[in-house]
Amino acid sequence: MVGCSLLKQFSRSFKRSNSLSSSTATIVGSTHKVDYSTTSKEALDFLDFLNASPSPFHAVHEASARLEKAGFQKISEKHEWHLKKKGKYYFTRNGSSLVAFVIGGEYHVDK
């Protein structure tokens, strides 16, 4: 748990600001600044995900929210699935693992 505690402490002291003129990060108490103006949107999004995910439970919660935003439907392992062509689905297990999948357009149910 020491690593988790250090990550939380770092996350609280790490500030990232985005503006049209500049995008920098500063570690509080430090004069070191990082220029993020040339950093890709995907890399910054990944950093946001990491900062929101100090534990497996947080990571599953954050990933679930992102999947829902991307149009994925949450399903349950305990219930029958009614899957459709090109459907996007995910389920979680014990709050600490997540499985997401997309059904192909050529999918046919074998009866």
PDB file of N, CA and C in Angstrom:
ATOM      1  N   MET A   1       0.804  -1.198   0.000  1.00  0.00           N
ATOM      2  CA  MET A   1       0.000   0.000   0.000  1.00  0.00           C
ATOM      3  C   MET A   1       0.849   1.264   0.000  1.00  0.00           C
ATOM      4  N   VAL A   2       2.148   1.130   0.249  1.00  0.00           N
ATOM      5  CA  VAL A   2       3.023   2.295   0.231  1.00  0.00           C
ATOM      6  C   VAL A   2       3.010   2.929  -1.153  1.00  0.00           C
ATOM      7  N   GLY A   3       3.077   2.098  -2.206  1.00  0.00           N
ATOM      8  CA  GLY A   3       3.055   2.614  -3.569  1.00  0.00           C
ATOM      9  C   GLY A   3       1.781   3.371  -3.869  1.00  0.00           C
ATOM     10  N   CYS A   4       0.654   2.860  -3.408  1.00  0.00           N
ATOM     11  CA  CYS A   4      -0.637   3.521  -3.619  1.00  0.00           C
ATOM     12  C   CYS A   4      -0.651   4.864  -2.902  1.00  0.00           C
ATOM     13  N   SER A   5      -0.122   4.895  -1.689  1.00  0.00           N
ATOM     14  CA  SER A   5      -0.063   6.130  -0.918  1.00  0.00           C
ATOM     15  C   SER A   5       0.810   7.162  -1.618  1.00  0.00           C
ATOM     16  N   LEU A   6       1.942   6.726  -2.140  1.00  0.00           N
ATOM     17  CA  LEU A   6       2.826   7.636  -2.859  1.00  0.00           C
ATOM     18  C   LEU A   6       2.167   8.156  -4.125  1.00  0.00           C
ATOM     19  N   LEU A   7       1.436   7.287  -4.829  1.00  0.00           N
ATOM     20  CA  LEU A   7       0.738   7.705  -6.037  1.00  0.00           C
ATOM     21  C   LEU A   7      -0.313   8.752  -5.713  1.00  0.00           C
ATOM     22  N   LYS A   8      -1.072   8.543  -4.634  1.00  0.00           N
ATOM     23  CA  LYS A   8      -2.083   9.526  -4.233  1.00  0.00           C
ATOM     24  C   LYS A   8      -1.427  10.856  -3.899  1.00  0.00           C
ATOM     25  N   GLN A   9      -0.311  10.803  -3.171  1.00  0.00           N
ATOM     26  CA  GLN A   9       0.402  12.020  -2.802  1.00  0.00           C
ATOM     27  C   GLN A   9       0.894  12.731  -4.059  1.00  0.00           C
ATOM     28  N   PHE A  10       1.462  11.979  -5.001  1.00  0.00           N
ATOM     29  CA  PHE A  10       1.946  12.569  -6.242  1.00  0.00           C
ATOM     30  C   PHE A  10       0.794  13.157  -7.046  1.00  0.00           C
ATOM     31  N   SER A  11      -0.330  12.440  -7.115  1.00  0.00           N
ATOM     32  CA  SER A  11      -1.481  12.915  -7.878  1.00  0.00           C
ATOM     33  C   SER A  11      -2.000  14.231  -7.323  1.00  0.00           C
ATOM     34  N   ARG A  12      -1.988  14.353  -5.999  1.00  0.00           N
ATOM     35  CA  ARG A  12      -2.460  15.597  -5.393  1.00  0.00           C
ATOM     36  C   ARG A  12      -1.494  16.745  -5.676  1.00  0.00           C
ATOM     37  N   SER A  13      -0.205  16.445  -5.782  1.00  0.00           N
ATOM     38  CA  SER A  13       0.780  17.504  -5.981  1.00  0.00           C
ATOM     39  C   SER A  13       1.046  17.793  -7.458  1.00  0.00           C
ATOM     40  N   PHE A  14       0.459  17.021  -8.345  1.00  0.00           N
ATOM     41  CA  PHE A  14       0.666  17.171  -9.779  1.00  0.00           C
ATOM     42  C   PHE A  14      -0.488  17.969 -10.353  1.00  0.00           C
ATOM     43  N   LYS A  15      -0.174  19.072 -10.975  1.00  0.00           N
ATOM     44  CA  LYS A  15      -1.216  19.901 -11.575  1.00  0.00           C
ATOM     45  C   LYS A  15      -0.922  20.041 -13.058  1.00  0.00           C
ATOM     46  N   ARG A  16      -1.933  19.814 -13.866  1.00  0.00           N
ATOM     47  CA  ARG A  16      -1.788  19.992 -15.312  1.00  0.00           C
ATOM     48  C   ARG A  16      -2.798  21.032 -15.734  1.00  0.00           C
ATOM     49  N   SER A  17      -2.342  22.047 -16.444  1.00  0.00           N
ATOM     50  CA  SER A  17      -3.260  23.072 -16.915  1.00  0.00           C
ATOM     51  C   SER A  17      -3.208  23.105 -18.431  1.00  0.00           C
ATOM     52  N   ASN A  18      -4.374  23.195 -19.031  1.00  0.00           N
ATOM     53  CA  ASN A  18      -4.467  23.295 -20.485  1.00  0.00           C
ATOM     54  C   ASN A  18      -5.028  24.661 -20.837  1.00  0.00           C
ATOM     55  N   SER A  19      -4.394  25.340 -21.736  1.00  0.00           N
ATOM     56  CA  SER A  19      -4.923  26.591 -22.246  1.00  0.00           C
ATOM     57  C   SER A  19      -4.509  26.697 -23.704  1.00  0.00           C
ATOM     58  N   LEU A  20      -5.079  27.672 -24.383  1.00  0.00           N
ATOM     59  CA  LEU A  20      -4.744  27.832 -25.790  1.00  0.00           C
ATOM     60  C   LEU A  20      -3.290  28.253 -25.973  1.00  0.00           C
ATOM     61  N   SER A  21      -2.759  29.036 -25.029  1.00  0.00           N
ATOM     62  CA  SER A  21      -1.400  29.535 -25.197  1.00  0.00           C
ATOM     63  C   SER A  21      -0.335  28.553 -24.733  1.00  0.00           C
ATOM     64  N   SER A  22      -0.619  27.814 -23.649  1.00  0.00           N
ATOM     65  CA  SER A  22       0.390  26.876 -23.160  1.00  0.00           C
ATOM     66  C   SER A  22      -0.266  25.755 -22.388  1.00  0.00           C
ATOM     67  N   SER A  23       0.446  24.686 -22.272  1.00  0.00           N
ATOM     68  CA  SER A  23      -0.008  23.548 -21.488  1.00  0.00           C
ATOM     69  C   SER A  23       1.205  23.040 -20.735  1.00  0.00           C
ATOM     70  N   THR A  24       1.212  23.218 -19.412  1.00  0.00           N
ATOM     71  CA  THR A  24       2.366  22.822 -18.622  1.00  0.00           C
ATOM     72  C   THR A  24       1.926  22.036 -17.412  1.00  0.00           C
ATOM     73  N   ALA A  25       2.858  21.319 -16.846  1.00  0.00           N
ATOM     74  CA  ALA A  25       2.613  20.596 -15.601  1.00  0.00           C
ATOM     75  C   ALA A  25       3.666  21.036 -14.603  1.00  0.00           C
ATOM     76  N   THR A  26       3.250  21.168 -13.368  1.00  0.00           N
ATOM     77  CA  THR A  26       4.171  21.576 -12.319  1.00  0.00           C
ATOM     78  C   THR A  26       3.987  20.673 -11.124  1.00  0.00           C
ATOM     79  N   ILE A  27       5.080  20.209 -10.560  1.00  0.00           N
ATOM     80  CA  ILE A  27       5.016  19.479  -9.305  1.00  0.00           C
ATOM     81  C   ILE A  27       5.136  20.522  -8.208  1.00  0.00           C
ATOM     82  N   VAL A  28       4.140  20.586  -7.339  1.00  0.00           N
ATOM     83  CA  VAL A  28       4.105  21.590  -6.288  1.00  0.00           C
ATOM     84  C   VAL A  28       5.377  21.500  -5.460  1.00  0.00           C
ATOM     85  N   GLY A  29       5.960  22.650  -5.162  1.00  0.00           N
ATOM     86  CA  GLY A  29       7.187  22.684  -4.381  1.00  0.00           C
ATOM     87  C   GLY A  29       8.432  22.521  -5.238  1.00  0.00           C
ATOM     88  N   SER A  30       8.267  22.468  -6.541  1.00  0.00           N
ATOM     89  CA  SER A  30       9.394  22.279  -7.447  1.00  0.00           C
ATOM     90  C   SER A  30       9.390  23.387  -8.482  1.00  0.00           C
ATOM     91  N   THR A  31      10.551  23.735  -8.966  1.00  0.00           N
ATOM     92  CA  THR A  31      10.639  24.728 -10.034  1.00  0.00           C
ATOM     93  C   THR A  31      10.642  24.062 -11.404  1.00  0.00           C
ATOM     94  N   HIS A  32      10.590  22.732 -11.429  1.00  0.00           N
ATOM     95  CA  HIS A  32      10.618  21.976 -12.684  1.00  0.00           C
ATOM     96  C   HIS A  32       9.255  22.053 -13.371  1.00  0.00           C
ATOM     97  N   LYS A  33       9.253  22.456 -14.628  1.00  0.00           N
ATOM     98  CA  LYS A  33       8.017  22.499 -15.413  1.00  0.00           C
ATOM     99  C   LYS A  33       8.190  21.632 -16.650  1.00  0.00           C
ATOM    100  N   VAL A  34       7.109  20.995 -17.046  1.00  0.00           N
ATOM    101  CA  VAL A  34       7.112  20.153 -18.234  1.00  0.00           C
ATOM    102  C   VAL A  34       6.213  20.808 -19.268  1.00  0.00           C
ATOM    103  N   ASP A  35       6.696  20.959 -20.471  1.00  0.00           N
ATOM    104  CA  ASP A  35       5.909  21.548 -21.549  1.00  0.00           C
ATOM    105  C   ASP A  35       5.124  20.444 -22.247  1.00  0.00           C
ATOM    106  N   TYR A  36       3.797  20.503 -22.149  1.00  0.00           N
ATOM    107  CA  TYR A  36       2.938  19.500 -22.779  1.00  0.00           C
ATOM    108  C   TYR A  36       2.356  19.985 -24.107  1.00  0.00           C
ATOM    109  N   SER A  37       2.837  21.103 -24.625  1.00  0.00           N
ATOM    110  CA  SER A  37       2.248  21.652 -25.845  1.00  0.00           C
ATOM    111  C   SER A  37       2.423  20.735 -27.049  1.00  0.00           C
ATOM    112  N   THR A  38       3.442  19.875 -27.032  1.00  0.00           N
ATOM    113  CA  THR A  38       3.648  18.964 -28.160  1.00  0.00           C
ATOM    114  C   THR A  38       3.231  17.533 -27.830  1.00  0.00           C
ATOM    115  N   THR A  39       2.655  17.341 -26.654  1.00  0.00           N
ATOM    116  CA  THR A  39       2.223  16.006 -26.238  1.00  0.00           C
ATOM    117  C   THR A  39       0.888  15.685 -26.891  1.00  0.00           C
ATOM    118  N   SER A  40       0.750  14.469 -27.366  1.00  0.00           N
ATOM    119  CA  SER A  40      -0.483  14.087 -28.053  1.00  0.00           C
ATOM    120  C   SER A  40      -1.670  14.059 -27.090  1.00  0.00           C
ATOM    121  N   LYS A  41      -2.837  14.267 -27.650  1.00  0.00           N
ATOM    122  CA  LYS A  41      -4.082  14.213 -26.878  1.00  0.00           C
ATOM    123  C   LYS A  41      -4.238  12.846 -26.213  1.00  0.00           C
ATOM    124  N   GLU A  42      -3.858  11.790 -26.921  1.00  0.00           N
ATOM    125  CA  GLU A  42      -3.984  10.431 -26.383  1.00  0.00           C
ATOM    126  C   GLU A  42      -3.095  10.231 -25.162  1.00  0.00           C
ATOM    127  N   ALA A  43      -1.867  10.765 -25.222  1.00  0.00           N
ATOM    128  CA  ALA A  43      -0.950  10.634 -24.087  1.00  0.00           C
ATOM    129  C   ALA A  43      -1.490  11.378 -22.872  1.00  0.00           C
ATOM    130  N   LEU A  44      -2.021  12.577 -23.079  1.00  0.00           N
ATOM    131  CA  LEU A  44      -2.597  13.339 -21.970  1.00  0.00           C
ATOM    132  C   LEU A  44      -3.826  12.636 -21.409  1.00  0.00           C
ATOM    133  N   ASP A  45      -4.635  12.046 -22.285  1.00  0.00           N
ATOM    134  CA  ASP A  45      -5.807  11.293 -21.839  1.00  0.00           C
ATOM    135  C   ASP A  45      -5.375  10.094 -20.999  1.00  0.00           C
ATOM    136  N   PHE A  46      -4.296   9.425 -21.405  1.00  0.00           N
ATOM    137  CA  PHE A  46      -3.778   8.293 -20.640  1.00  0.00           C
ATOM    138  C   PHE A  46      -3.290   8.746 -19.264  1.00  0.00           C
ATOM    139  N   LEU A  47      -2.616   9.892 -19.202  1.00  0.00           N
ATOM    140  CA  LEU A  47      -2.187  10.425 -17.906  1.00  0.00           C
ATOM    141  C   LEU A  47      -3.389  10.717 -17.016  1.00  0.00           C
ATOM    142  N   ASP A  48      -4.455  11.263 -17.599  1.00  0.00           N
ATOM    143  CA  ASP A  48      -5.681  11.508 -16.831  1.00  0.00           C
ATOM    144  C   ASP A  48      -6.252  10.196 -16.303  1.00  0.00           C
ATOM    145  N   PHE A  49      -6.238   9.150 -17.145  1.00  0.00           N
ATOM    146  CA  PHE A  49      -6.721   7.835 -16.713  1.00  0.00           C
ATOM    147  C   PHE A  49      -5.880   7.310 -15.550  1.00  0.00           C
ATOM    148  N   LEU A  50      -4.562   7.404 -15.667  1.00  0.00           N
ATOM    149  CA  LEU A  50      -3.682   6.931 -14.593  1.00  0.00           C
ATOM    150  C   LEU A  50      -3.917   7.698 -13.296  1.00  0.00           C
ATOM    151  N   ASN A  51      -4.084   9.004 -13.393  1.00  0.00           N
ATOM    152  CA  ASN A  51      -4.328   9.808 -12.195  1.00  0.00           C
ATOM    153  C   ASN A  51      -5.659   9.462 -11.541  1.00  0.00           C
ATOM    154  N   ALA A  52      -6.631   9.017 -12.323  1.00  0.00           N
ATOM    155  CA  ALA A  52      -7.946   8.648 -11.785  1.00  0.00           C
ATOM    156  C   ALA A  52      -7.982   7.196 -11.321  1.00  0.00           C
ATOM    157  N   SER A  53      -6.879   6.468 -11.467  1.00  0.00           N
ATOM    158  CA  SER A  53      -6.875   5.021 -11.223  1.00  0.00           C
ATOM    159  C   SER A  53      -5.755   4.567 -10.286  1.00  0.00           C
ATOM    160  N   PRO A  54      -5.775   4.982  -9.029  1.00  0.00           N
ATOM    161  CA  PRO A  54      -4.707   4.550  -8.119  1.00  0.00           C
ATOM    162  C   PRO A  54      -4.817   3.091  -7.673  1.00  0.00           C
ATOM    163  N   SER A  55      -5.934   2.432  -7.981  1.00  0.00           N
ATOM    164  CA  SER A  55      -6.109   1.021  -7.608  1.00  0.00           C
ATOM    165  C   SER A  55      -6.853   0.308  -8.730  1.00  0.00           C
ATOM    166  N   PRO A  56      -6.867  -1.029  -8.725  1.00  0.00           N
ATOM    167  CA  PRO A  56      -7.640  -1.759  -9.738  1.00  0.00           C
ATOM    168  C   PRO A  56      -9.121  -1.370  -9.721  1.00  0.00           C
ATOM    169  N   PHE A  57      -9.669  -1.113  -8.555  1.00  0.00           N
ATOM    170  CA  PHE A  57     -11.081  -0.745  -8.448  1.00  0.00           C
ATOM    171  C   PHE A  57     -11.343   0.608  -9.107  1.00  0.00           C
ATOM    172  N   HIS A  58     -10.445   1.564  -8.871  1.00  0.00           N
ATOM    173  CA  HIS A  58     -10.577   2.865  -9.520  1.00  0.00           C
ATOM    174  C   HIS A  58     -10.418   2.736 -11.034  1.00  0.00           C
ATOM    175  N   ALA A  59      -9.482   1.887 -11.469  1.00  0.00           N
ATOM    176  CA  ALA A  59      -9.250   1.692 -12.901  1.00  0.00           C
ATOM    177  C   ALA A  59     -10.485   1.109 -13.581  1.00  0.00           C
ATOM    178  N   VAL A  60     -11.124   0.133 -12.944  1.00  0.00           N
ATOM    179  CA  VAL A  60     -12.343  -0.466 -13.507  1.00  0.00           C
ATOM    180  C   VAL A  60     -13.457   0.574 -13.560  1.00  0.00           C
ATOM    181  N   HIS A  61     -13.589   1.362 -12.509  1.00  0.00           N
ATOM    182  CA  HIS A  61     -14.623   2.404 -12.482  1.00  0.00           C
ATOM    183  C   HIS A  61     -14.387   3.425 -13.602  1.00  0.00           C
ATOM    184  N   GLU A  62     -13.161   3.895 -13.733  1.00  0.00           N
ATOM    185  CA  GLU A  62     -12.830   4.879 -14.762  1.00  0.00           C
ATOM    186  C   GLU A  62     -12.997   4.292 -16.164  1.00  0.00           C
ATOM    187  N   ALA A  63     -12.538   3.061 -16.375  1.00  0.00           N
ATOM    188  CA  ALA A  63     -12.680   2.421 -17.687  1.00  0.00           C
ATOM    189  C   ALA A  63     -14.150   2.202 -18.031  1.00  0.00           C
ATOM    190  N   SER A  64     -14.954   1.819 -17.046  1.00  0.00           N
ATOM    191  CA  SER A  64     -16.393   1.629 -17.274  1.00  0.00           C
ATOM    192  C   SER A  64     -17.043   2.928 -17.732  1.00  0.00           C
ATOM    193  N   ALA A  65     -16.707   4.020 -17.072  1.00  0.00           N
ATOM    194  CA  ALA A  65     -17.266   5.323 -17.454  1.00  0.00           C
ATOM    195  C   ALA A  65     -16.856   5.693 -18.874  1.00  0.00           C
ATOM    196  N   ARG A  66     -15.616   5.415 -19.222  1.00  0.00           N
ATOM    197  CA  ARG A  66     -15.141   5.729 -20.572  1.00  0.00           C
ATOM    198  C   ARG A  66     -15.807   4.836 -21.621  1.00  0.00           C
ATOM    199  N   LEU A  67     -16.019   3.566 -21.292  1.00  0.00           N
ATOM    200  CA  LEU A  67     -16.709   2.665 -22.219  1.00  0.00           C
ATOM    201  C   LEU A  67     -18.149   3.109 -22.434  1.00  0.00           C
ATOM    202  N   GLU A  68     -18.836   3.477 -21.356  1.00  0.00           N
ATOM    203  CA  GLU A  68     -20.226   3.950 -21.483  1.00  0.00           C
ATOM    204  C   GLU A  68     -20.277   5.184 -22.376  1.00  0.00           C
ATOM    205  N   LYS A  69     -19.328   6.087 -22.177  1.00  0.00           N
ATOM    206  CA  LYS A  69     -19.273   7.300 -22.996  1.00  0.00           C
ATOM    207  C   LYS A  69     -19.043   6.958 -24.468  1.00  0.00           C
ATOM    208  N   ALA A  70     -18.347   5.846 -24.723  1.00  0.00           N
ATOM    209  CA  ALA A  70     -18.058   5.402 -26.095  1.00  0.00           C
ATOM    210  C   ALA A  70     -19.179   4.535 -26.673  1.00  0.00           C
ATOM    211  N   GLY A  71     -20.287   4.390 -25.937  1.00  0.00           N
ATOM    212  CA  GLY A  71     -21.435   3.656 -26.459  1.00  0.00           C
ATOM    213  C   GLY A  71     -21.501   2.191 -26.100  1.00  0.00           C
ATOM    214  N   PHE A  72     -20.676   1.739 -25.173  1.00  0.00           N
ATOM    215  CA  PHE A  72     -20.731   0.346 -24.736  1.00  0.00           C
ATOM    216  C   PHE A  72     -21.876   0.158 -23.751  1.00  0.00           C
ATOM    217  N   GLN A  73     -22.476  -1.015 -23.792  1.00  0.00           N
ATOM    218  CA  GLN A  73     -23.592  -1.363 -22.910  1.00  0.00           C
ATOM    219  C   GLN A  73     -23.096  -2.341 -21.854  1.00  0.00           C
ATOM    220  N   LYS A  74     -23.388  -2.044 -20.596  1.00  0.00           N
ATOM    221  CA  LYS A  74     -22.984  -2.951 -19.520  1.00  0.00           C
ATOM    222  C   LYS A  74     -23.933  -4.140 -19.484  1.00  0.00           C
ATOM    223  N   ILE A  75     -23.365  -5.342 -19.410  1.00  0.00           N
ATOM    224  CA  ILE A  75     -24.155  -6.564 -19.295  1.00  0.00           C
ATOM    225  C   ILE A  75     -23.713  -7.301 -18.037  1.00  0.00           C
ATOM    226  N   SER A  76     -24.502  -8.279 -17.628  1.00  0.00           N
ATOM    227  CA  SER A  76     -24.203  -9.030 -16.414  1.00  0.00           C
ATOM    228  C   SER A  76     -23.908 -10.480 -16.756  1.00  0.00           C
ATOM    229  N   GLU A  77     -22.934 -11.045 -16.065  1.00  0.00           N
ATOM    230  CA  GLU A  77     -22.635 -12.469 -16.251  1.00  0.00           C
ATOM    231  C   GLU A  77     -23.765 -13.334 -15.710  1.00  0.00           C
ATOM    232  N   LYS A  78     -24.593 -12.783 -14.838  1.00  0.00           N
ATOM    233  CA  LYS A  78     -25.657 -13.548 -14.188  1.00  0.00           C
ATOM    234  C   LYS A  78     -26.925 -13.655 -15.029  1.00  0.00           C
ATOM    235  N   HIS A  79     -27.023 -12.849 -16.081  1.00  0.00           N
ATOM    236  CA  HIS A  79     -28.232 -12.835 -16.905  1.00  0.00           C
ATOM    237  C   HIS A  79     -27.919 -13.269 -18.334  1.00  0.00           C
ATOM    238  N   GLU A  80     -28.942 -13.696 -19.032  1.00  0.00           N
ATOM    239  CA  GLU A  80     -28.787 -14.081 -20.434  1.00  0.00           C
ATOM    240  C   GLU A  80     -28.430 -12.851 -21.263  1.00  0.00           C
ATOM    241  N   TRP A  81     -27.521 -13.031 -22.195  1.00  0.00           N
ATOM    242  CA  TRP A  81     -27.106 -11.931 -23.055  1.00  0.00           C
ATOM    243  C   TRP A  81     -27.921 -11.941 -24.341  1.00  0.00           C
ATOM    244  N   HIS A  82     -28.354 -10.780 -24.763  1.00  0.00           N
ATOM    245  CA  HIS A  82     -29.052 -10.607 -26.037  1.00  0.00           C
ATOM    246  C   HIS A  82     -28.163  -9.714 -26.905  1.00  0.00           C
ATOM    247  N   LEU A  83     -27.190 -10.354 -27.552  1.00  0.00           N
ATOM    248  CA  LEU A  83     -26.184  -9.626 -28.309  1.00  0.00           C
ATOM    249  C   LEU A  83     -26.660  -9.360 -29.728  1.00  0.00           C
ATOM    250  N   LYS A  84     -26.257  -8.218 -30.258  1.00  0.00           N
ATOM    251  CA  LYS A  84     -26.649  -7.821 -31.603  1.00  0.00           C
ATOM    252  C   LYS A  84     -25.405  -7.561 -32.444  1.00  0.00           C
ATOM    253  N   LYS A  85     -25.558  -7.693 -33.762  1.00  0.00           N
ATOM    254  CA  LYS A  85     -24.467  -7.370 -34.676  1.00  0.00           C
ATOM    255  C   LYS A  85     -23.990  -5.951 -34.404  1.00  0.00           C
ATOM    256  N   LYS A  86     -22.683  -5.785 -34.406  1.00  0.00           N
ATOM    257  CA  LYS A  86     -22.023  -4.502 -34.187  1.00  0.00           C
ATOM    258  C   LYS A  86     -22.300  -3.910 -32.806  1.00  0.00           C
ATOM    259  N   GLY A  87     -22.796  -4.748 -31.892  1.00  0.00           N
ATOM    260  CA  GLY A  87     -23.035  -4.287 -30.526  1.00  0.00           C
ATOM    261  C   GLY A  87     -21.734  -4.161 -29.753  1.00  0.00           C
ATOM    262  N   LYS A  88     -21.699  -3.219 -28.820  1.00  0.00           N
ATOM    263  CA  LYS A  88     -20.519  -2.994 -27.979  1.00  0.00           C
ATOM    264  C   LYS A  88     -20.930  -3.260 -26.532  1.00  0.00           C
ATOM    265  N   TYR A  89     -20.236  -4.168 -25.870  1.00  0.00           N
ATOM    266  CA  TYR A  89     -20.634  -4.626 -24.540  1.00  0.00           C
ATOM    267  C   TYR A  89     -19.435  -4.714 -23.601  1.00  0.00           C
ATOM    268  N   TYR A  90     -19.743  -4.663 -22.317  1.00  0.00           N
ATOM    269  CA  TYR A  90     -18.708  -4.919 -21.311  1.00  0.00           C
ATOM    270  C   TYR A  90     -19.354  -5.444 -20.042  1.00  0.00           C
ATOM    271  N   PHE A  91     -18.552  -6.149 -19.245  1.00  0.00           N
ATOM    272  CA  PHE A  91     -18.991  -6.546 -17.909  1.00  0.00           C
ATOM    273  C   PHE A  91     -17.809  -6.458 -16.964  1.00  0.00           C
ATOM    274  N   THR A  92     -18.130  -6.339 -15.690  1.00  0.00           N
ATOM    275  CA  THR A  92     -17.096  -6.286 -14.662  1.00  0.00           C
ATOM    276  C   THR A  92     -17.274  -7.471 -13.728  1.00  0.00           C
ATOM    277  N   ARG A  93     -16.185  -7.816 -13.048  1.00  0.00           N
ATOM    278  CA  ARG A  93     -16.234  -8.914 -12.089  1.00  0.00           C
ATOM    279  C   ARG A  93     -15.564  -8.446 -10.799  1.00  0.00           C
ATOM    280  N   ASN A  94     -16.319  -8.500  -9.724  1.00  0.00           N
ATOM    281  CA  ASN A  94     -15.828  -8.145  -8.388  1.00  0.00           C
ATOM    282  C   ASN A  94     -15.266  -6.730  -8.308  1.00  0.00           C
ATOM    283  N   GLY A  95     -15.616  -5.882  -9.242  1.00  0.00           N
ATOM    284  CA  GLY A  95     -15.149  -4.506  -9.221  1.00  0.00           C
ATOM    285  C   GLY A  95     -13.671  -4.332  -9.515  1.00  0.00           C
ATOM    286  N   SER A  96     -12.972  -5.441  -9.795  1.00  0.00           N
ATOM    287  CA  SER A  96     -11.526  -5.339  -9.997  1.00  0.00           C
ATOM    288  C   SER A  96     -11.060  -5.859 -11.352  1.00  0.00           C
ATOM    289  N   SER A  97     -11.984  -6.321 -12.183  1.00  0.00           N
ATOM    290  CA  SER A  97     -11.616  -6.739 -13.537  1.00  0.00           C
ATOM    291  C   SER A  97     -12.742  -6.359 -14.487  1.00  0.00           C
ATOM    292  N   LEU A  98     -12.381  -6.201 -15.752  1.00  0.00           N
ATOM    293  CA  LEU A  98     -13.329  -5.729 -16.752  1.00  0.00           C
ATOM    294  C   LEU A  98     -13.049  -6.440 -18.070  1.00  0.00           C
ATOM    295  N   VAL A  99     -14.118  -6.818 -18.766  1.00  0.00           N
ATOM    296  CA  VAL A  99     -14.010  -7.418 -20.094  1.00  0.00           C
ATOM    297  C   VAL A  99     -14.905  -6.615 -21.024  1.00  0.00           C
ATOM    298  N   ALA A 100     -14.357  -6.150 -22.135  1.00  0.00           N
ATOM    299  CA  ALA A 100     -15.127  -5.400 -23.126  1.00  0.00           C
ATOM    300  C   ALA A 100     -14.936  -6.065 -24.487  1.00  0.00           C
ATOM    301  N   PHE A 101     -16.000  -6.054 -25.289  1.00  0.00           N
ATOM    302  CA  PHE A 101     -15.907  -6.664 -26.616  1.00  0.00           C
ATOM    303  C   PHE A 101     -16.929  -6.044 -27.552  1.00  0.00           C
ATOM    304  N   VAL A 102     -16.658  -6.186 -28.848  1.00  0.00           N
ATOM    305  CA  VAL A 102     -17.544  -5.689 -29.900  1.00  0.00           C
ATOM    306  C   VAL A 102     -17.920  -6.873 -30.772  1.00  0.00           C
ATOM    307  N   ILE A 103     -19.200  -6.993 -31.107  1.00  0.00           N
ATOM    308  CA  ILE A 103     -19.692  -8.065 -31.973  1.00  0.00           C
ATOM    309  C   ILE A 103     -19.499  -7.635 -33.427  1.00  0.00           C
ATOM    310  N   GLY A 104     -18.952  -8.519 -34.222  1.00  0.00           N
ATOM    311  CA  GLY A 104     -18.713  -8.217 -35.629  1.00  0.00           C
ATOM    312  C   GLY A 104     -19.996  -8.125 -36.441  1.00  0.00           C
ATOM    313  N   GLY A 105     -19.910  -7.478 -37.573  1.00  0.00           N
ATOM    314  CA  GLY A 105     -21.062  -7.297 -38.445  1.00  0.00           C
ATOM    315  C   GLY A 105     -21.535  -8.570 -39.118  1.00  0.00           C
ATOM    316  N   GLU A 106     -20.704  -9.609 -39.154  1.00  0.00           N
ATOM    317  CA  GLU A 106     -21.066 -10.883 -39.769  1.00  0.00           C
ATOM    318  C   GLU A 106     -21.514 -11.914 -38.739  1.00  0.00           C
ATOM    319  N   TYR A 107     -21.735 -11.494 -37.511  1.00  0.00           N
ATOM    320  CA  TYR A 107     -22.123 -12.399 -36.420  1.00  0.00           C
ATOM    321  C   TYR A 107     -23.498 -13.011 -36.690  1.00  0.00           C
ATOM    322  N   HIS A 108     -23.604 -14.344 -36.505  1.00  0.00           N
ATOM    323  CA  HIS A 108     -24.874 -15.058 -36.637  1.00  0.00           C
ATOM    324  C   HIS A 108     -25.041 -15.961 -35.426  1.00  0.00           C
ATOM    325  N   VAL A 109     -26.227 -15.958 -34.869  1.00  0.00           N
ATOM    326  CA  VAL A 109     -26.518 -16.817 -33.723  1.00  0.00           C
ATOM    327  C   VAL A 109     -26.797 -18.220 -34.232  1.00  0.00           C
ATOM    328  N   ASP A 110     -26.092 -19.210 -33.675  1.00  0.00           N
ATOM    329  CA  ASP A 110     -26.365 -20.609 -34.012  1.00  0.00           C
ATOM    330  C   ASP A 110     -27.482 -21.093 -33.111  1.00  0.00           C
ATOM    331  N   LYS A 111     -28.563 -21.561 -33.710  1.00  0.00           N
ATOM    332  CA  LYS A 111     -29.699 -22.034 -32.909  1.00  0.00           C
ATOM    333  C   LYS A 111     -29.774 -23.525 -32.927  1.00  0.00           C
TER     334      LYS A 111
END
